[in-house]
Structures are given as C-alpha cells and as structure tokens.
C-alpha cells in the first residue's frame, strides 16, 4: 500500500493513510506520567547540587531518596526525567552566558 492512497479498513469503507513523518523528535517530547514528573521535580528542588546529566548517578540518587517507595521501573523513569531536566537547565545556562558575553 502506498501512503496517501485509499485503503480498506475492517468496515470496508476506504480511508486515507497519512505519510509517516521522520522529524517528529523535533516537535514532540516523550510522554511521562504525572507521578514521574512530580517526583523528579521534588528531588530537583530538594537536591539541586546532586542532580547531574549522568543517568547512572541520578539513578543512585533516586534510589537513595525514594528507598522502598518505588519500583525499579519507576526509579529509572524518574532518573531519566531528572537527566533530561538537568541537560535542559545546563543548555539554558549556556545560552544565558552566551547572551551576556
């Protein structure tokens, strides 16, 4: 089937397939649950000096802070979001320095 041409769905009526976009990463972010975001922001507010752009260090920090409260999967998601936030903050600081310099 060629994208943009009619195709038959289960109902038998034709519908049109939209072509896939390869540059979605530029427009959209990852979907994360509210719990992940709240926990990550809480850790970032409480321990701003210990949060880094390194996932493994953030994973250890989340494990220490939330010991016994979260599963491994949730711990890793929180650590990943912390890493993304740290990278974003670092980039903003760099841009602010370039503007002032």
PDB file of N, CA and C in Angstrom:
ATOM      1  N   UNK A   1       0.839  -1.172   0.000  1.00  0.00           N
ATOM      2  CA  UNK A   1       0.000   0.000   0.000  1.00  0.00           C
ATOM      3  C   UNK A   1       0.887   1.239   0.000  1.00  0.00           C
ATOM      4  N   UNK A   2       0.547   2.206  -0.798  1.00  0.00           N
ATOM      5  CA  UNK A   2       1.283   3.455  -0.888  1.00  0.00           C
ATOM      6  C   UNK A   2       0.585   4.463   0.011  1.00  0.00           C
ATOM      7  N   UNK A   3       1.390   5.197   0.786  1.00  0.00           N
ATOM      8  CA  UNK A   3       0.808   6.172   1.705  1.00  0.00           C
ATOM      9  C   UNK A   3       0.118   7.278   0.933  1.00  0.00           C
ATOM     10  N   UNK A   4      -1.020   7.721   1.424  1.00  0.00           N
ATOM     11  CA  UNK A   4      -1.784   8.769   0.776  1.00  0.00           C
ATOM     12  C   UNK A   4      -2.833   8.220  -0.161  1.00  0.00           C
ATOM     13  N   UNK A   5      -2.835   6.916  -0.404  1.00  0.00           N
ATOM     14  CA  UNK A   5      -3.840   6.304  -1.250  1.00  0.00           C
ATOM     15  C   UNK A   5      -4.901   5.650  -0.377  1.00  0.00           C
ATOM     16  N   UNK A   6      -6.101   5.491  -0.906  1.00  0.00           N
ATOM     17  CA  UNK A   6      -7.146   4.890  -0.087  1.00  0.00           C
ATOM     18  C   UNK A   6      -6.844   3.434   0.238  1.00  0.00           C
ATOM     19  N   UNK A   7      -7.230   3.018   1.404  1.00  0.00           N
ATOM     20  CA  UNK A   7      -7.066   1.637   1.833  1.00  0.00           C
ATOM     21  C   UNK A   7      -8.392   1.186   2.425  1.00  0.00           C
ATOM     22  N   UNK A   8      -8.585  -0.096   2.535  1.00  0.00           N
ATOM     23  CA  UNK A   8      -9.825  -0.602   3.097  1.00  0.00           C
ATOM     24  C   UNK A   8      -9.617  -0.978   4.546  1.00  0.00           C
ATOM     25  N   UNK A   9     -10.482  -0.483   5.389  1.00  0.00           N
ATOM     26  CA  UNK A   9     -10.456  -0.814   6.790  1.00  0.00           C
ATOM     27  C   UNK A   9     -11.390  -1.989   7.008  1.00  0.00           C
ATOM     28  N   UNK A  10     -11.540  -2.437   8.245  1.00  0.00           N
ATOM     29  CA  UNK A  10     -12.410  -3.577   8.543  1.00  0.00           C
ATOM     30  C   UNK A  10     -13.839  -3.350   8.086  1.00  0.00           C
ATOM     31  N   UNK A  11     -14.306  -2.110   8.105  1.00  0.00           N
ATOM     32  CA  UNK A  11     -15.686  -1.820   7.732  1.00  0.00           C
ATOM     33  C   UNK A  11     -15.901  -1.896   6.231  1.00  0.00           C
ATOM     34  N   UNK A  12     -14.826  -1.906   5.450  1.00  0.00           N
ATOM     35  CA  UNK A  12     -14.952  -1.969   4.006  1.00  0.00           C
ATOM     36  C   UNK A  12     -14.935  -0.595   3.362  1.00  0.00           C
ATOM     37  N   UNK A  13     -15.049   0.460   4.159  1.00  0.00           N
ATOM     38  CA  UNK A  13     -15.023   1.816   3.616  1.00  0.00           C
ATOM     39  C   UNK A  13     -13.572   2.260   3.460  1.00  0.00           C
ATOM     40  N   UNK A  14     -13.266   2.981   2.398  1.00  0.00           N
ATOM     41  CA  UNK A  14     -11.888   3.431   2.221  1.00  0.00           C
ATOM     42  C   UNK A  14     -11.536   4.542   3.206  1.00  0.00           C
ATOM     43  N   UNK A  15     -10.292   4.569   3.651  1.00  0.00           N
ATOM     44  CA  UNK A  15      -9.771   5.647   4.471  1.00  0.00           C
ATOM     45  C   UNK A  15      -8.380   5.965   3.971  1.00  0.00           C
ATOM     46  N   UNK A  16      -7.871   7.112   4.298  1.00  0.00           N
ATOM     47  CA  UNK A  16      -6.590   7.551   3.781  1.00  0.00           C
ATOM     48  C   UNK A  16      -5.523   7.465   4.860  1.00  0.00           C
ATOM     49  N   UNK A  17      -4.369   6.949   4.473  1.00  0.00           N
ATOM     50  CA  UNK A  17      -3.238   6.825   5.400  1.00  0.00           C
ATOM     51  C   UNK A  17      -2.345   8.051   5.241  1.00  0.00           C
ATOM     52  N   UNK A  18      -2.031   8.685   6.335  1.00  0.00           N
ATOM     53  CA  UNK A  18      -1.117   9.827   6.298  1.00  0.00           C
ATOM     54  C   UNK A  18       0.312   9.319   6.232  1.00  0.00           C
ATOM     55  N   UNK A  19       1.160   9.983   5.486  1.00  0.00           N
ATOM     56  CA  UNK A  19       2.559   9.539   5.433  1.00  0.00           C
ATOM     57  C   UNK A  19       3.245   9.746   6.779  1.00  0.00           C
ATOM     58  N   UNK A  20       4.192   8.879   7.094  1.00  0.00           N
ATOM     59  CA  UNK A  20       4.934   8.996   8.343  1.00  0.00           C
ATOM     60  C   UNK A  20       5.874  10.177   8.276  1.00  0.00           C
ATOM     61  N   UNK A  21       6.016  10.862   9.399  1.00  0.00           N
ATOM     62  CA  UNK A  21       6.944  11.978   9.476  1.00  0.00           C
ATOM     63  C   UNK A  21       8.175  11.513  10.225  1.00  0.00           C
ATOM     64  N   UNK A  22       9.328  11.791   9.674  1.00  0.00           N
ATOM     65  CA  UNK A  22      10.569  11.332  10.277  1.00  0.00           C
ATOM     66  C   UNK A  22      11.136  12.326  11.281  1.00  0.00           C
ATOM     67  N   UNK A  23      10.652  13.550  11.280  1.00  0.00           N
ATOM     68  CA  UNK A  23      11.224  14.574  12.146  1.00  0.00           C
ATOM     69  C   UNK A  23      10.340  14.877  13.354  1.00  0.00           C
ATOM     70  N   UNK A  24       9.609  13.897  13.855  1.00  0.00           N
ATOM     71  CA  UNK A  24       8.727  14.115  14.997  1.00  0.00           C
ATOM     72  C   UNK A  24       9.507  14.453  16.259  1.00  0.00           C
ATOM     73  N   UNK A  25      10.740  13.984  16.353  1.00  0.00           N
ATOM     74  CA  UNK A  25      11.529  14.240  17.561  1.00  0.00           C
ATOM     75  C   UNK A  25      11.800  15.725  17.755  1.00  0.00           C
ATOM     76  N   UNK A  26      11.728  16.508  16.685  1.00  0.00           N
ATOM     77  CA  UNK A  26      11.959  17.939  16.799  1.00  0.00           C
ATOM     78  C   UNK A  26      10.750  18.665  17.364  1.00  0.00           C
ATOM     79  N   UNK A  27       9.575  18.079  17.240  1.00  0.00           N
ATOM     80  CA  UNK A  27       8.357  18.763  17.636  1.00  0.00           C
ATOM     81  C   UNK A  27       7.767  18.228  18.931  1.00  0.00           C
ATOM     82  N   UNK A  28       7.922  16.964  19.201  1.00  0.00           N
ATOM     83  CA  UNK A  28       7.225  16.355  20.327  1.00  0.00           C
ATOM     84  C   UNK A  28       8.222  15.751  21.312  1.00  0.00           C
ATOM     85  N   UNK A  29       7.828  15.745  22.575  1.00  0.00           N
ATOM     86  CA  UNK A  29       8.660  15.144  23.599  1.00  0.00           C
ATOM     87  C   UNK A  29       8.109  13.783  24.000  1.00  0.00           C
ATOM     88  N   UNK A  30       8.719  13.205  24.995  1.00  0.00           N
ATOM     89  CA  UNK A  30       8.258  11.918  25.494  1.00  0.00           C
ATOM     90  C   UNK A  30       7.098  12.130  26.452  1.00  0.00           C
ATOM     91  N   UNK A  31       6.207  11.160  26.483  1.00  0.00           N
ATOM     92  CA  UNK A  31       5.081  11.230  27.401  1.00  0.00           C
ATOM     93  C   UNK A  31       5.499  10.582  28.717  1.00  0.00           C
ATOM     94  N   UNK A  32       5.357  11.336  29.802  1.00  0.00           N
ATOM     95  CA  UNK A  32       5.687  10.820  31.128  1.00  0.00           C
ATOM     96  C   UNK A  32       4.509  11.060  32.046  1.00  0.00           C
ATOM     97  N   UNK A  33       4.326  10.160  32.980  1.00  0.00           N
ATOM     98  CA  UNK A  33       3.200  10.296  33.895  1.00  0.00           C
ATOM     99  C   UNK A  33       3.432  11.434  34.876  1.00  0.00           C
ATOM    100  N   UNK A  34       2.355  11.885  35.466  1.00  0.00           N
ATOM    101  CA  UNK A  34       2.434  12.973  36.430  1.00  0.00           C
ATOM    102  C   UNK A  34       3.292  12.587  37.627  1.00  0.00           C
ATOM    103  N   UNK A  35       3.191  11.325  38.047  1.00  0.00           N
ATOM    104  CA  UNK A  35       3.955  10.860  39.203  1.00  0.00           C
ATOM    105  C   UNK A  35       5.456  10.989  38.951  1.00  0.00           C
ATOM    106  N   UNK A  36       5.895  10.613  37.762  1.00  0.00           N
ATOM    107  CA  UNK A  36       7.313  10.704  37.403  1.00  0.00           C
ATOM    108  C   UNK A  36       7.761  12.160  37.459  1.00  0.00           C
ATOM    109  N   UNK A  37       6.971  13.044  36.878  1.00  0.00           N
ATOM    110  CA  UNK A  37       7.343  14.460  36.846  1.00  0.00           C
ATOM    111  C   UNK A  37       7.363  15.078  38.237  1.00  0.00           C
ATOM    112  N   UNK A  38       6.359  14.750  39.051  1.00  0.00           N
ATOM    113  CA  UNK A  38       6.290  15.306  40.403  1.00  0.00           C
ATOM    114  C   UNK A  38       7.472  14.833  41.245  1.00  0.00           C
ATOM    115  N   UNK A  39       7.767  13.531  41.196  1.00  0.00           N
ATOM    116  CA  UNK A  39       8.892  13.001  41.966  1.00  0.00           C
ATOM    117  C   UNK A  39      10.218  13.619  41.515  1.00  0.00           C
ATOM    118  N   UNK A  40      10.396  13.732  40.203  1.00  0.00           N
ATOM    119  CA  UNK A  40      11.649  14.285  39.681  1.00  0.00           C
ATOM    120  C   UNK A  40      11.808  15.747  40.081  1.00  0.00           C
ATOM    121  N   UNK A  41      10.749  16.525  39.973  1.00  0.00           N
ATOM    122  CA  UNK A  41      10.847  17.947  40.344  1.00  0.00           C
ATOM    123  C   UNK A  41      11.083  18.109  41.839  1.00  0.00           C
ATOM    124  N   UNK A  42      10.472  17.233  42.637  1.00  0.00           N
ATOM    125  CA  UNK A  42      10.682  17.272  44.086  1.00  0.00           C
ATOM    126  C   UNK A  42      12.147  16.999  44.427  1.00  0.00           C
ATOM    127  N   UNK A  43      12.729  16.002  43.777  1.00  0.00           N
ATOM    128  CA  UNK A  43      14.143  15.676  44.006  1.00  0.00           C
ATOM    129  C   UNK A  43      15.035  16.818  43.527  1.00  0.00           C
ATOM    130  N   UNK A  44      14.694  17.395  42.370  1.00  0.00           N
ATOM    131  CA  UNK A  44      15.489  18.503  41.825  1.00  0.00           C
ATOM    132  C   UNK A  44      15.438  19.718  42.749  1.00  0.00           C
ATOM    133  N   UNK A  45      14.286  19.974  43.356  1.00  0.00           N
ATOM    134  CA  UNK A  45      14.153  21.104  44.266  1.00  0.00           C
ATOM    135  C   UNK A  45      14.893  20.840  45.586  1.00  0.00           C
ATOM    136  N   UNK A  46      14.855  19.583  46.054  1.00  0.00           N
ATOM    137  CA  UNK A  46      15.471  19.243  47.337  1.00  0.00           C
ATOM    138  C   UNK A  46      16.987  19.082  47.235  1.00  0.00           C
ATOM    139  N   UNK A  47      17.451  18.451  46.152  1.00  0.00           N
ATOM    140  CA  UNK A  47      18.889  18.171  45.978  1.00  0.00           C
ATOM    141  C   UNK A  47      19.403  18.731  44.650  1.00  0.00           C
ATOM    142  N   UNK A  48      19.368  20.040  44.441  1.00  0.00           N
ATOM    143  CA  UNK A  48      19.801  20.576  43.148  1.00  0.00           C
ATOM    144  C   UNK A  48      21.292  20.372  42.868  1.00  0.00           C
ATOM    145  N   UNK A  49      22.100  20.291  43.927  1.00  0.00           N
ATOM    146  CA  UNK A  49      23.543  20.129  43.734  1.00  0.00           C
ATOM    147  C   UNK A  49      23.927  18.689  43.411  1.00  0.00           C
ATOM    148  N   UNK A  50      23.064  17.720  43.694  1.00  0.00           N
ATOM    149  CA  UNK A  50      23.393  16.313  43.452  1.00  0.00           C
ATOM    150  C   UNK A  50      22.855  15.788  42.124  1.00  0.00           C
ATOM    151  N   UNK A  51      21.948  16.515  41.493  1.00  0.00           N
ATOM    152  CA  UNK A  51      21.393  16.094  40.203  1.00  0.00           C
ATOM    153  C   UNK A  51      22.385  16.454  39.107  1.00  0.00           C
ATOM    154  N   UNK A  52      22.700  15.464  38.251  1.00  0.00           N
ATOM    155  CA  UNK A  52      23.680  15.673  37.183  1.00  0.00           C
ATOM    156  C   UNK A  52      23.081  15.268  35.839  1.00  0.00           C
ATOM    157  N   UNK A  53      23.887  15.381  34.794  1.00  0.00           N
ATOM    158  CA  UNK A  53      23.455  14.952  33.467  1.00  0.00           C
ATOM    159  C   UNK A  53      23.795  13.482  33.222  1.00  0.00           C
ATOM    160  N   UNK A  54      24.289  12.797  34.230  1.00  0.00           N
ATOM    161  CA  UNK A  54      24.634  11.380  34.126  1.00  0.00           C
ATOM    162  C   UNK A  54      23.492  10.525  34.682  1.00  0.00           C
ATOM    163  N   UNK A  55      22.940   9.672  33.846  1.00  0.00           N
ATOM    164  CA  UNK A  55      21.793   8.843  34.240  1.00  0.00           C
ATOM    165  C   UNK A  55      22.125   7.932  35.417  1.00  0.00           C
ATOM    166  N   UNK A  56      23.281   7.300  35.407  1.00  0.00           N
ATOM    167  CA  UNK A  56      23.638   6.337  36.458  1.00  0.00           C
ATOM    168  C   UNK A  56      23.721   7.014  37.830  1.00  0.00           C
ATOM    169  N   UNK A  57      24.299   8.196  37.884  1.00  0.00           N
ATOM    170  CA  UNK A  57      24.371   8.917  39.163  1.00  0.00           C
ATOM    171  C   UNK A  57      22.984   9.339  39.632  1.00  0.00           C
ATOM    172  N   UNK A  58      22.154   9.770  38.688  1.00  0.00           N
ATOM    173  CA  UNK A  58      20.785  10.145  39.049  1.00  0.00           C
ATOM    174  C   UNK A  58      19.990   8.930  39.519  1.00  0.00           C
ATOM    175  N   UNK A  59      20.269   7.783  38.932  1.00  0.00           N
ATOM    176  CA  UNK A  59      19.574   6.552  39.335  1.00  0.00           C
ATOM    177  C   UNK A  59      19.922   6.205  40.783  1.00  0.00           C
ATOM    178  N   UNK A  60      21.190   6.360  41.134  1.00  0.00           N
ATOM    179  CA  UNK A  60      21.602   6.104  42.522  1.00  0.00           C
ATOM    180  C   UNK A  60      20.959   7.102  43.473  1.00  0.00           C
ATOM    181  N   UNK A  61      20.895   8.362  43.062  1.00  0.00           N
ATOM    182  CA  UNK A  61      20.281   9.396  43.893  1.00  0.00           C
ATOM    183  C   UNK A  61      18.805   9.091  44.131  1.00  0.00           C
ATOM    184  N   UNK A  62      18.093   8.734  43.081  1.00  0.00           N
ATOM    185  CA  UNK A  62      16.663   8.412  43.218  1.00  0.00           C
ATOM    186  C   UNK A  62      16.492   7.195  44.111  1.00  0.00           C
ATOM    187  N   UNK A  63      17.366   6.196  43.961  1.00  0.00           N
ATOM    188  CA  UNK A  63      17.302   5.014  44.810  1.00  0.00           C
ATOM    189  C   UNK A  63      17.505   5.333  46.277  1.00  0.00           C
ATOM    190  N   UNK A  64      18.414   6.280  46.570  1.00  0.00           N
ATOM    191  CA  UNK A  64      18.671   6.686  47.954  1.00  0.00           C
ATOM    192  C   UNK A  64      17.500   7.489  48.531  1.00  0.00           C
ATOM    193  N   UNK A  65      16.985   8.409  47.738  1.00  0.00           N
ATOM    194  CA  UNK A  65      15.937   9.303  48.218  1.00  0.00           C
ATOM    195  C   UNK A  65      14.602   8.580  48.375  1.00  0.00           C
ATOM    196  N   UNK A  66      14.272   7.754  47.424  1.00  0.00           N
ATOM    197  CA  UNK A  66      12.967   7.091  47.427  1.00  0.00           C
ATOM    198  C   UNK A  66      13.079   5.617  47.801  1.00  0.00           C
ATOM    199  N   UNK A  67      13.953   5.278  48.716  1.00  0.00           N
ATOM    200  CA  UNK A  67      14.188   3.886  49.083  1.00  0.00           C
ATOM    201  C   UNK A  67      12.891   3.236  49.583  1.00  0.00           C
ATOM    202  N   UNK A  68      12.552   2.124  48.991  1.00  0.00           N
ATOM    203  CA  UNK A  68      11.382   1.361  49.403  1.00  0.00           C
ATOM    204  C   UNK A  68      10.049   1.919  48.938  1.00  0.00           C
ATOM    205  N   UNK A  69      10.062   3.079  48.259  1.00  0.00           N
ATOM    206  CA  UNK A  69       8.803   3.695  47.836  1.00  0.00           C
ATOM    207  C   UNK A  69       8.470   3.444  46.382  1.00  0.00           C
ATOM    208  N   UNK A  70       9.463   3.112  45.567  1.00  0.00           N
ATOM    209  CA  UNK A  70       9.224   2.982  44.131  1.00  0.00           C
ATOM    210  C   UNK A  70       9.845   1.697  43.591  1.00  0.00           C
ATOM    211  N   UNK A  71       9.302   1.252  42.464  1.00  0.00           N
ATOM    212  CA  UNK A  71       9.849   0.074  41.794  1.00  0.00           C
ATOM    213  C   UNK A  71      11.072   0.478  40.971  1.00  0.00           C
ATOM    214  N   UNK A  72      11.773  -0.526  40.445  1.00  0.00           N
ATOM    215  CA  UNK A  72      12.943  -0.255  39.607  1.00  0.00           C
ATOM    216  C   UNK A  72      12.550   0.524  38.359  1.00  0.00           C
ATOM    217  N   UNK A  73      11.436   0.127  37.767  1.00  0.00           N
ATOM    218  CA  UNK A  73      10.976   0.767  36.537  1.00  0.00           C
ATOM    219  C   UNK A  73      10.678   2.249  36.778  1.00  0.00           C
ATOM    220  N   UNK A  74       9.973   2.547  37.866  1.00  0.00           N
ATOM    221  CA  UNK A  74       9.657   3.936  38.177  1.00  0.00           C
ATOM    222  C   UNK A  74      10.919   4.711  38.548  1.00  0.00           C
ATOM    223  N   UNK A  75      11.819   4.073  39.278  1.00  0.00           N
ATOM    224  CA  UNK A  75      13.086   4.716  39.635  1.00  0.00           C
ATOM    225  C   UNK A  75      13.843   5.121  38.374  1.00  0.00           C
ATOM    226  N   UNK A  76      13.899   4.225  37.400  1.00  0.00           N
ATOM    227  CA  UNK A  76      14.615   4.517  36.161  1.00  0.00           C
ATOM    228  C   UNK A  76      13.932   5.624  35.367  1.00  0.00           C
ATOM    229  N   UNK A  77      12.607   5.648  35.371  1.00  0.00           N
ATOM    230  CA  UNK A  77      11.900   6.704  34.654  1.00  0.00           C
ATOM    231  C   UNK A  77      12.146   8.058  35.297  1.00  0.00           C
ATOM    232  N   UNK A  78      12.123   8.096  36.626  1.00  0.00           N
ATOM    233  CA  UNK A  78      12.394   9.343  37.342  1.00  0.00           C
ATOM    234  C   UNK A  78      13.830   9.794  37.081  1.00  0.00           C
ATOM    235  N   UNK A  79      14.764   8.868  37.121  1.00  0.00           N
ATOM    236  CA  UNK A  79      16.171   9.206  36.868  1.00  0.00           C
ATOM    237  C   UNK A  79      16.356   9.723  35.438  1.00  0.00           C
ATOM    238  N   UNK A  80      15.680   9.119  34.488  1.00  0.00           N
ATOM    239  CA  UNK A  80      15.756   9.584  33.106  1.00  0.00           C
ATOM    240  C   UNK A  80      15.193  10.979  32.935  1.00  0.00           C
ATOM    241  N   UNK A  81      14.077  11.251  33.603  1.00  0.00           N
ATOM    242  CA  UNK A  81      13.486  12.584  33.525  1.00  0.00           C
ATOM    243  C   UNK A  81      14.381  13.607  34.218  1.00  0.00           C
ATOM    244  N   UNK A  82      14.988  13.225  35.339  1.00  0.00           N
ATOM    245  CA  UNK A  82      15.937  14.115  36.014  1.00  0.00           C
ATOM    246  C   UNK A  82      17.113  14.455  35.098  1.00  0.00           C
ATOM    247  N   UNK A  83      17.601  13.454  34.390  1.00  0.00           N
ATOM    248  CA  UNK A  83      18.714  13.665  33.468  1.00  0.00           C
ATOM    249  C   UNK A  83      18.314  14.641  32.369  1.00  0.00           C
ATOM    250  N   UNK A  84      17.113  14.465  31.826  1.00  0.00           N
ATOM    251  CA  UNK A  84      16.627  15.365  30.777  1.00  0.00           C
ATOM    252  C   UNK A  84      16.470  16.789  31.307  1.00  0.00           C
ATOM    253  N   UNK A  85      15.934  16.924  32.522  1.00  0.00           N
ATOM    254  CA  UNK A  85      15.792  18.257  33.125  1.00  0.00           C
ATOM    255  C   UNK A  85      17.154  18.906  33.360  1.00  0.00           C
ATOM    256  N   UNK A  86      18.119  18.116  33.837  1.00  0.00           N
ATOM    257  CA  UNK A  86      19.456  18.645  34.094  1.00  0.00           C
ATOM    258  C   UNK A  86      20.114  19.117  32.796  1.00  0.00           C
ATOM    259  N   UNK A  87      19.942  18.356  31.730  1.00  0.00           N
ATOM    260  CA  UNK A  87      20.509  18.758  30.438  1.00  0.00           C
ATOM    261  C   UNK A  87      19.849  20.032  29.920  1.00  0.00           C
ATOM    262  N   UNK A  88      18.535  20.131  30.120  1.00  0.00           N
ATOM    263  CA  UNK A  88      17.818  21.323  29.680  1.00  0.00           C
ATOM    264  C   UNK A  88      18.270  22.548  30.470  1.00  0.00           C
ATOM    265  N   UNK A  89      18.419  22.397  31.785  1.00  0.00           N
ATOM    266  CA  UNK A  89      18.891  23.509  32.615  1.00  0.00           C
ATOM    267  C   UNK A  89      20.305  23.931  32.236  1.00  0.00           C
ATOM    268  N   UNK A  90      21.148  22.941  31.943  1.00  0.00           N
ATOM    269  CA  UNK A  90      22.526  23.227  31.543  1.00  0.00           C
ATOM    270  C   UNK A  90      22.561  23.993  30.227  1.00  0.00           C
ATOM    271  N   UNK A  91      21.715  23.593  29.280  1.00  0.00           N
ATOM    272  CA  UNK A  91      21.660  24.284  27.990  1.00  0.00           C
ATOM    273  C   UNK A  91      21.158  25.714  28.159  1.00  0.00           C
ATOM    274  N   UNK A  92      20.171  25.912  29.034  1.00  0.00           N
ATOM    275  CA  UNK A  92      19.658  27.264  29.289  1.00  0.00           C
ATOM    276  C   UNK A  92      20.729  28.152  29.915  1.00  0.00           C
ATOM    277  N   UNK A  93      21.516  27.601  30.834  1.00  0.00           N
ATOM    278  CA  UNK A  93      22.600  28.361  31.453  1.00  0.00           C
ATOM    279  C   UNK A  93      23.639  28.760  30.408  1.00  0.00           C
ATOM    280  N   UNK A  94      23.968  27.808  29.513  1.00  0.00           N
ATOM    281  CA  UNK A  94      24.945  28.081  28.465  1.00  0.00           C
ATOM    282  C   UNK A  94      24.459  29.195  27.548  1.00  0.00           C
ATOM    283  N   UNK A  95      23.156  29.141  27.176  1.00  0.00           N
ATOM    284  CA  UNK A  95      22.606  30.178  26.305  1.00  0.00           C
ATOM    285  C   UNK A  95      22.606  31.524  27.011  1.00  0.00           C
ATOM    286  N   UNK A  96      22.293  31.557  28.296  1.00  0.00           N
ATOM    287  CA  UNK A  96      22.283  32.810  29.053  1.00  0.00           C
ATOM    288  C   UNK A  96      23.694  33.406  29.117  1.00  0.00           C
ATOM    289  N   UNK A  97      24.693  32.554  29.276  1.00  0.00           N
ATOM    290  CA  UNK A  97      26.081  33.028  29.299  1.00  0.00           C
ATOM    291  C   UNK A  97      26.499  33.590  27.952  1.00  0.00           C
ATOM    292  N   UNK A  98      26.038  32.951  26.868  1.00  0.00           N
ATOM    293  CA  UNK A  98      26.397  33.441  25.520  1.00  0.00           C
ATOM    294  C   UNK A  98      25.756  34.793  25.254  1.00  0.00           C
ATOM    295  N   UNK A  99      24.542  34.971  25.751  1.00  0.00           N
ATOM    296  CA  UNK A  99      23.852  36.239  25.523  1.00  0.00           C
ATOM    297  C   UNK A  99      24.524  37.362  26.286  1.00  0.00           C
ATOM    298  N   UNK A 100      24.931  37.105  27.513  1.00  0.00           N
ATOM    299  CA  UNK A 100      25.568  38.143  28.331  1.00  0.00           C
ATOM    300  C   UNK A 100      27.003  38.423  27.899  1.00  0.00           C
ATOM    301  N   UNK A 101      27.646  37.456  27.284  1.00  0.00           N
ATOM    302  CA  UNK A 101      29.058  37.633  26.889  1.00  0.00           C
ATOM    303  C   UNK A 101      29.200  38.404  25.601  1.00  0.00           C
TER     304      UNK A 101
END
